[in-house]
């Protein structure tokens, strides 16, 4: 009798398990259908908004109200341009004007200085008493604060294992100081790699009372997906991101600095800068300024090549040096100092080899 009861119990358990599995599958199927319906509905709503905008388009001459609004906006723009912050160094500020309605894209190969540009721009703005928002989809907020601290203290942010306990304490102490001027949103705080995550940040920025003087996005290619529609590929995601950036820059009262991944120009790869941008090239069309970084590690030199500029700097090349990560003017004195340093290192290597 005991065996029969155990067998019946086992059959009941199996039957209940199958029932639970069917119910789970029905629930998942419903969630999938709901998600697809909501995604499609969101796309339709975006289309409706575009149609509404089309309905408001007029080819009639500008009326008095529009004229007054345009004049006021024009005065506001030029007044803000007079007090616009400077970009890193005087030789670069001539080509990178940090005024509203500007989108500066700086491209470099992997490991050639994108994060360093972001840190230097953040540090420079903080020194000028300006507020910076860094939207990062690569580095964590702690890394960005640590990089800025290193620039302030004259430290090199390379071998993290060599920092002393005292230095680590200073890093933590500086979080308190830097957070008043620097806000960082990284991928652990928000979905900064999705177009919906970026759109949400942009919407919040437009309504938030805190106004920033510069927005840095590091970097373009990592915004590569949609959290609502998994069928969206990288190219579509980057297209929507580029379009969102273009609209946002014309609304928000602060310039945008965008870092991007670019293939290095070589003898075998002689494509134009635009064609060497990884992923969707449309971002080049949206940028008001497009710059390529070419780094010479031996000479501690970075060459800034202006491929596109609405300020008449296209084709211009500017050389800067760097000292423990901080960009400095590439003066004769600096070149002499680097040459001496390289010679000393070469002589030391020869001495070690002879010994």
Protein backbone atom coordinates (compact mmCIF):
# COMPACT_ATOMS: atom_id res chain seq x y z
CA UNK A 1 0.00 0.00 0.00
CA UNK A 2 2.85 2.32 0.87
CA UNK A 3 4.43 1.82 -2.58
CA UNK A 4 1.11 2.61 -4.31
CA UNK A 5 0.69 5.81 -2.29
CA UNK A 6 4.25 6.90 -3.10
CA UNK A 7 3.64 6.22 -6.79
CA UNK A 8 0.41 8.24 -6.75
CA UNK A 9 2.20 11.04 -4.95
CA UNK A 10 4.95 11.03 -7.60
CA UNK A 11 2.37 11.22 -10.40
CA UNK A 12 0.62 14.10 -8.66
CA UNK A 13 3.92 15.95 -8.26
CA UNK A 14 4.76 15.45 -11.95
CA UNK A 15 1.30 16.62 -12.96
CA UNK A 16 1.59 19.71 -10.77
CA UNK A 17 5.05 20.42 -12.19
CA UNK A 18 3.71 20.26 -15.76
CA UNK A 19 0.84 22.55 -14.77
CA UNK A 20 3.28 25.03 -13.26
CA UNK A 21 5.49 24.90 -16.35
CA UNK A 22 2.50 25.55 -18.64
CA UNK A 23 1.42 28.46 -16.48
CA UNK A 24 4.97 29.85 -16.53
CA UNK A 25 5.12 29.56 -20.32
CA UNK A 26 1.75 31.33 -20.66
CA UNK A 27 3.01 34.12 -18.41
CA UNK A 28 6.21 34.50 -20.42
CA UNK A 29 4.30 34.46 -23.72
CA UNK A 30 2.05 37.21 -22.38
CA UNK A 31 5.05 39.29 -21.29
CA UNK A 32 6.65 38.89 -24.72
CA UNK A 33 3.43 39.90 -26.46
CA UNK A 34 3.00 42.84 -24.08
CA UNK A 35 6.58 43.99 -24.66
CA UNK A 36 6.25 43.78 -28.46
CA UNK A 37 2.92 45.63 -28.34
CA UNK A 38 4.32 48.40 -26.13
CA UNK A 39 7.42 48.72 -28.30
CA UNK A 40 5.31 49.00 -31.45
CA UNK A 41 3.01 51.49 -29.69
CA UNK A 42 6.01 53.63 -28.66
CA UNK A 43 7.19 53.68 -32.30
CA UNK A 44 3.72 54.74 -33.47
CA UNK A 45 3.62 57.51 -30.86
CA UNK A 46 7.00 58.81 -32.05
CA UNK A 47 5.64 58.83 -35.59
CA UNK A 48 2.55 60.77 -34.49
CA UNK A 49 4.72 63.40 -32.82
CA UNK A 50 6.68 63.83 -36.06
CA UNK A 51 3.42 64.24 -37.99
CA UNK A 52 2.23 66.86 -35.50
CA UNK A 53 5.47 68.77 -36.03
CA UNK A 54 4.90 68.58 -39.79
CA UNK A 55 1.41 70.05 -39.34
CA UNK A 56 2.93 73.07 -37.60
CA UNK A 57 5.36 73.80 -40.45
CA UNK A 58 4.56 77.03 -42.25
CA UNK A 59 6.06 78.55 -45.39
CA UNK A 60 4.52 81.94 -44.64
CA UNK A 61 6.76 84.90 -43.79
CA UNK A 62 7.85 85.21 -40.15
CA UNK A 63 5.23 86.91 -37.98
CA UNK A 64 5.94 89.56 -35.31
CA UNK A 65 5.91 87.08 -32.43
CA UNK A 66 8.44 84.81 -34.14
CA UNK A 67 10.64 87.80 -34.94
CA UNK A 68 10.65 88.99 -31.32
CA UNK A 69 11.46 85.48 -30.07
CA UNK A 70 14.31 85.05 -32.56
CA UNK A 71 15.83 88.41 -31.65
CA UNK A 72 15.68 87.60 -27.93
CA UNK A 73 17.26 84.19 -28.49
CA UNK A 74 19.96 85.76 -30.63
CA UNK A 75 20.87 88.31 -27.95
CA UNK A 76 20.93 85.57 -25.31
CA UNK A 77 23.23 83.44 -27.47
CA UNK A 78 25.79 86.18 -28.12
CA UNK A 79 25.80 87.28 -24.48
CA UNK A 80 26.42 83.70 -23.36
CA UNK A 81 29.21 83.37 -25.94
CA UNK A 82 31.05 86.29 -24.30
CA UNK A 83 31.28 84.41 -21.02
CA UNK A 84 31.76 80.92 -22.49
CA UNK A 85 34.41 78.80 -20.75
CA UNK A 86 37.74 78.06 -22.43
CA UNK A 87 38.64 74.63 -23.80
CA UNK A 88 41.85 73.31 -22.21
CA UNK A 89 44.47 75.64 -23.76
CA UNK A 90 44.34 78.97 -25.66
CA UNK A 91 45.63 77.30 -28.85
CA UNK A 92 42.68 74.88 -28.74
CA UNK A 93 40.01 77.36 -27.63
CA UNK A 94 40.35 79.15 -30.97
CA UNK A 95 38.88 76.08 -32.65
CA UNK A 96 36.64 74.64 -29.91
CA UNK A 97 34.15 77.24 -28.75
CA UNK A 98 32.20 75.99 -25.73
CA UNK A 99 29.04 77.89 -26.60
CA UNK A 100 25.50 76.54 -26.61
CA UNK A 101 24.28 74.72 -29.72
CA UNK A 102 27.73 73.21 -30.29
CA UNK A 103 28.57 69.52 -30.54
CA UNK A 104 32.31 68.83 -30.57
CA UNK A 105 33.30 65.29 -31.48
CA UNK A 106 36.84 64.16 -30.66
CA UNK A 107 37.90 60.84 -32.16
CA UNK A 108 40.88 58.63 -31.37
CA UNK A 109 41.85 54.95 -31.57
CA UNK A 110 41.47 52.80 -28.48
CA UNK A 111 43.95 53.75 -25.76
CA UNK A 112 44.99 56.98 -27.47
CA UNK A 113 43.55 59.55 -25.09
CA UNK A 114 39.73 59.72 -25.15
CA UNK A 115 39.37 59.27 -21.39
CA UNK A 116 42.26 61.67 -20.84
CA UNK A 117 40.51 64.34 -22.92
CA UNK A 118 37.38 63.84 -20.84
CA UNK A 119 39.33 64.16 -17.58
CA UNK A 120 41.23 67.25 -18.76
CA UNK A 121 38.06 68.96 -19.98
CA UNK A 122 36.33 68.18 -16.67
CA UNK A 123 39.32 69.45 -14.68
CA UNK A 124 39.61 72.63 -16.79
CA UNK A 125 35.91 73.43 -16.35
CA UNK A 126 36.09 72.87 -12.60
CA UNK A 127 39.04 75.27 -12.38
CA UNK A 128 36.92 77.88 -14.16
CA UNK A 129 34.15 77.41 -11.60
CA UNK A 130 31.84 75.69 -14.09
CA UNK A 131 29.59 72.67 -13.61
CA UNK A 132 30.20 69.54 -15.68
CA UNK A 133 28.07 66.49 -16.34
CA UNK A 134 29.92 63.39 -17.52
CA UNK A 135 27.79 60.62 -19.05
CA UNK A 136 30.04 57.57 -19.12
CA UNK A 137 29.29 54.20 -20.65
CA UNK A 138 32.83 52.94 -20.15
CA UNK A 139 34.59 54.19 -17.01
CA UNK A 140 33.06 54.24 -13.54
CA UNK A 141 32.42 57.49 -11.69
CA UNK A 142 35.23 56.68 -9.26
CA UNK A 143 37.74 56.44 -12.14
CA UNK A 144 36.67 59.81 -13.51
CA UNK A 145 36.98 61.50 -10.11
CA UNK A 146 40.34 59.77 -9.57
CA UNK A 147 41.66 60.97 -12.95
CA UNK A 148 40.70 64.57 -12.14
CA UNK A 149 42.30 64.27 -8.70
CA UNK A 150 45.53 63.05 -10.33
CA UNK A 151 45.55 66.08 -12.63
CA UNK A 152 45.07 68.36 -9.62
CA UNK A 153 47.84 66.67 -7.63
CA UNK A 154 50.29 66.13 -10.51
CA UNK A 155 50.08 62.32 -10.25
CA UNK A 156 50.05 59.80 -13.09
CA UNK A 157 46.96 57.62 -13.18
CA UNK A 158 48.56 54.44 -14.46
CA UNK A 159 49.74 51.77 -12.06
CA UNK A 160 46.98 51.77 -9.45
CA UNK A 161 48.85 49.34 -7.24
CA UNK A 162 51.54 51.92 -6.52
CA UNK A 163 49.30 54.47 -4.82
CA UNK A 164 50.01 54.81 -1.09
CA UNK A 165 47.42 54.68 1.67
CA UNK A 166 47.79 58.44 2.05
CA UNK A 167 47.08 58.97 -1.66
CA UNK A 168 44.05 56.68 -1.54
CA UNK A 169 42.70 58.76 1.36
CA UNK A 170 43.20 61.92 -0.73
CA UNK A 171 41.24 60.33 -3.59
CA UNK A 172 38.32 59.73 -1.23
CA UNK A 173 38.60 63.19 0.34
CA UNK A 174 38.48 64.80 -3.10
CA UNK A 175 35.17 63.09 -3.91
CA UNK A 176 33.59 65.51 -1.43
CA UNK A 177 35.25 68.49 -3.09
CA UNK A 178 34.72 67.51 -6.73
CA UNK A 179 31.07 66.47 -6.48
CA UNK A 180 30.03 70.12 -6.08
CA UNK A 181 31.19 70.87 -9.62
CA UNK A 182 31.32 67.46 -11.31
CA UNK A 183 28.41 65.06 -11.71
CA UNK A 184 28.99 61.63 -13.23
CA UNK A 185 26.38 59.19 -14.51
CA UNK A 186 28.00 55.86 -15.34
CA UNK A 187 26.55 52.59 -16.63
CA UNK A 188 25.98 51.28 -13.09
CA UNK A 189 23.72 54.24 -12.28
CA UNK A 190 21.70 54.35 -15.51
CA UNK A 191 21.51 52.43 -18.80
CA UNK A 192 23.95 54.76 -20.57
CA UNK A 193 24.53 52.25 -23.39
CA UNK A 194 20.91 52.30 -24.59
CA UNK A 195 19.08 54.93 -26.59
CA UNK A 196 16.24 54.92 -24.04
CA UNK A 197 18.71 55.53 -21.22
CA UNK A 198 20.23 58.50 -23.03
CA UNK A 199 16.79 59.85 -23.97
CA UNK A 200 15.72 59.67 -20.30
CA UNK A 201 18.83 61.57 -19.20
CA UNK A 202 18.19 64.25 -21.84
CA UNK A 203 14.55 64.61 -20.76
CA UNK A 204 15.56 64.92 -17.10
CA UNK A 205 18.19 67.53 -17.97
CA UNK A 206 15.63 69.70 -19.76
CA UNK A 207 13.35 69.78 -16.71
CA UNK A 208 15.92 69.74 -13.89
CA UNK A 209 16.76 72.99 -12.11
CA UNK A 210 20.49 72.21 -12.15
CA UNK A 211 22.08 73.61 -15.28
CA UNK A 212 25.45 72.41 -16.50
CA UNK A 213 28.06 74.41 -18.40
CA UNK A 214 29.37 71.39 -20.30
CA UNK A 215 28.09 67.88 -21.00
CA UNK A 216 30.68 65.20 -21.81
CA UNK A 217 29.65 61.85 -23.29
CA UNK A 218 32.26 59.08 -23.29
CA UNK A 219 31.73 57.49 -25.73
CA UNK A 220 29.63 57.38 -28.95
CA UNK A 221 29.99 53.77 -30.09
CA UNK A 222 28.97 52.29 -26.73
CA UNK A 223 25.41 53.57 -27.16
CA UNK A 224 24.61 50.52 -29.23
CA UNK A 225 21.26 49.02 -28.27
CA UNK A 226 17.62 49.51 -27.29
CA UNK A 227 16.21 48.26 -24.02
CA UNK A 228 12.70 48.20 -25.50
CA UNK A 229 13.40 46.61 -28.88
CA UNK A 230 16.13 43.99 -29.06
CA UNK A 231 15.76 43.93 -32.86
CA UNK A 232 17.39 47.37 -33.07
CA UNK A 233 20.94 46.85 -34.34
CA UNK A 234 24.02 48.93 -33.57
CA UNK A 235 23.66 51.12 -36.65
CA UNK A 236 20.03 52.01 -35.94
CA UNK A 237 20.82 52.69 -32.29
CA UNK A 238 23.68 55.00 -33.22
CA UNK A 239 21.51 56.76 -35.81
CA UNK A 240 18.83 57.46 -33.22
CA UNK A 241 21.50 58.54 -30.72
CA UNK A 242 23.05 60.97 -33.23
CA UNK A 243 19.63 62.44 -34.04
CA UNK A 244 18.80 62.79 -30.33
CA UNK A 245 22.12 64.57 -29.75
CA UNK A 246 21.46 66.94 -32.64
CA UNK A 247 18.04 67.92 -31.25
CA UNK A 248 19.23 68.18 -27.66
CA UNK A 249 22.17 70.47 -28.45
CA UNK A 250 19.78 73.00 -29.99
CA UNK A 251 17.59 73.04 -26.86
CA UNK A 252 19.89 72.68 -23.86
CA UNK A 253 21.92 75.80 -22.89
CA UNK A 254 25.32 74.06 -22.78
CA UNK A 255 27.82 72.67 -25.28
CA UNK A 256 28.33 68.93 -25.71
CA UNK A 257 31.70 67.18 -25.95
CA UNK A 258 31.45 63.70 -27.47
CA UNK A 259 34.30 61.18 -27.50
CA UNK A 260 34.36 58.60 -30.29
CA UNK A 261 36.31 55.56 -31.44
CA UNK A 262 38.17 56.06 -34.72
CA UNK A 263 40.41 53.66 -36.64
CA UNK A 264 44.01 54.83 -36.87
CA UNK A 265 45.18 56.13 -40.21
CA UNK A 266 47.93 53.93 -41.63
CA UNK A 267 49.67 53.35 -44.95
CA UNK A 268 47.17 50.59 -45.63
CA UNK A 269 44.17 52.56 -44.37
CA UNK A 270 44.05 55.96 -46.05
CA UNK A 271 40.32 56.51 -45.65
CA UNK A 272 39.01 59.91 -44.66
CA UNK A 273 38.45 60.69 -41.00
CA UNK A 274 34.69 60.34 -41.46
CA UNK A 275 35.05 56.88 -43.00
CA UNK A 276 37.36 55.77 -40.16
CA UNK A 277 34.73 56.53 -37.51
CA UNK A 278 33.66 53.15 -36.16
CA UNK A 279 29.98 52.34 -36.52
CA UNK A 280 27.47 54.79 -37.97
CA UNK A 281 29.14 57.75 -39.68
CA UNK A 282 26.10 60.02 -39.36
CA UNK A 283 27.55 61.55 -36.19
CA UNK A 284 30.11 63.42 -38.33
CA UNK A 285 27.27 65.26 -40.08
CA UNK A 286 25.71 66.27 -36.76
CA UNK A 287 28.94 67.54 -35.17
CA UNK A 288 29.74 71.24 -35.37
CA UNK A 289 33.43 70.46 -34.79
CA UNK A 290 35.20 67.15 -35.51
CA UNK A 291 38.75 66.57 -34.28
CA UNK A 292 41.12 63.64 -34.57
CA UNK A 293 43.77 62.92 -31.93
CA UNK A 294 47.13 61.56 -33.04
CA UNK A 295 49.41 60.66 -30.14
CA UNK A 296 53.21 60.44 -30.13
CA UNK A 297 54.05 58.72 -26.84
CA UNK A 298 57.83 59.09 -27.21
CA UNK A 299 57.59 62.87 -27.63
CA UNK A 300 54.69 63.26 -25.13
CA UNK A 301 52.84 65.06 -27.91
CA UNK A 302 49.23 65.04 -29.08
CA UNK A 303 48.29 66.43 -32.47
CA UNK A 304 44.75 67.80 -32.74
CA UNK A 305 43.60 67.66 -36.36
CA UNK A 306 40.50 69.75 -37.11
CA UNK A 307 38.68 67.88 -39.88
CA UNK A 308 35.48 69.90 -39.55
CA UNK A 309 34.81 73.24 -37.92
CA UNK A 310 32.11 75.85 -38.20
CA UNK A 311 34.67 78.34 -36.86
CA UNK A 312 36.84 78.18 -39.98
CA UNK A 313 39.52 75.89 -38.52
CA UNK A 314 39.09 72.92 -40.87
CA UNK A 315 42.46 71.50 -41.87
CA UNK A 316 44.26 73.14 -38.93
CA UNK A 317 46.67 71.03 -36.83
CA UNK A 318 47.53 71.98 -33.26
CA UNK A 319 50.22 70.24 -31.22
CA UNK A 320 50.08 70.04 -27.44
CA UNK A 321 52.25 68.24 -24.93
CA UNK A 322 51.20 66.30 -21.87
CA UNK A 323 52.79 66.18 -18.47
CA UNK A 324 51.56 63.35 -16.22
CA UNK A 325 48.30 63.34 -18.12
CA UNK A 326 47.76 67.10 -18.10
CA UNK A 327 47.70 68.81 -21.52
CA UNK A 328 50.24 71.63 -21.75
CA UNK A 329 51.46 73.97 -24.48
CA UNK A 330 54.01 72.37 -26.80
CA UNK A 331 56.70 74.98 -26.30
CA UNK A 332 60.40 74.83 -27.16
CA UNK A 333 61.14 74.55 -23.47
CA UNK A 334 58.82 71.54 -23.18
CA UNK A 335 60.35 69.87 -26.26
CA UNK A 336 63.84 70.36 -24.84
CA UNK A 337 62.79 68.86 -21.52
CA UNK A 338 61.30 65.76 -23.23
CA UNK A 339 64.37 65.38 -25.45
CA UNK A 340 66.62 65.47 -22.36
CA UNK A 341 64.41 62.95 -20.59
CA UNK A 342 64.49 60.58 -23.58
CA UNK A 343 68.28 60.91 -23.85
CA UNK A 344 68.73 60.18 -20.14
CA UNK A 345 66.56 57.08 -20.45
CA UNK A 346 68.49 55.87 -23.50
CA UNK A 347 71.85 56.36 -21.73
CA UNK A 348 70.55 54.49 -18.68
CA UNK A 349 69.47 51.56 -20.84
CA UNK A 350 72.89 51.45 -22.51
CA UNK A 351 74.60 51.52 -19.10
CA UNK A 352 72.44 48.67 -17.80
CA UNK A 353 73.13 46.67 -20.95
CA UNK A 354 76.93 47.18 -20.67
CA UNK A 355 76.89 46.23 -16.97
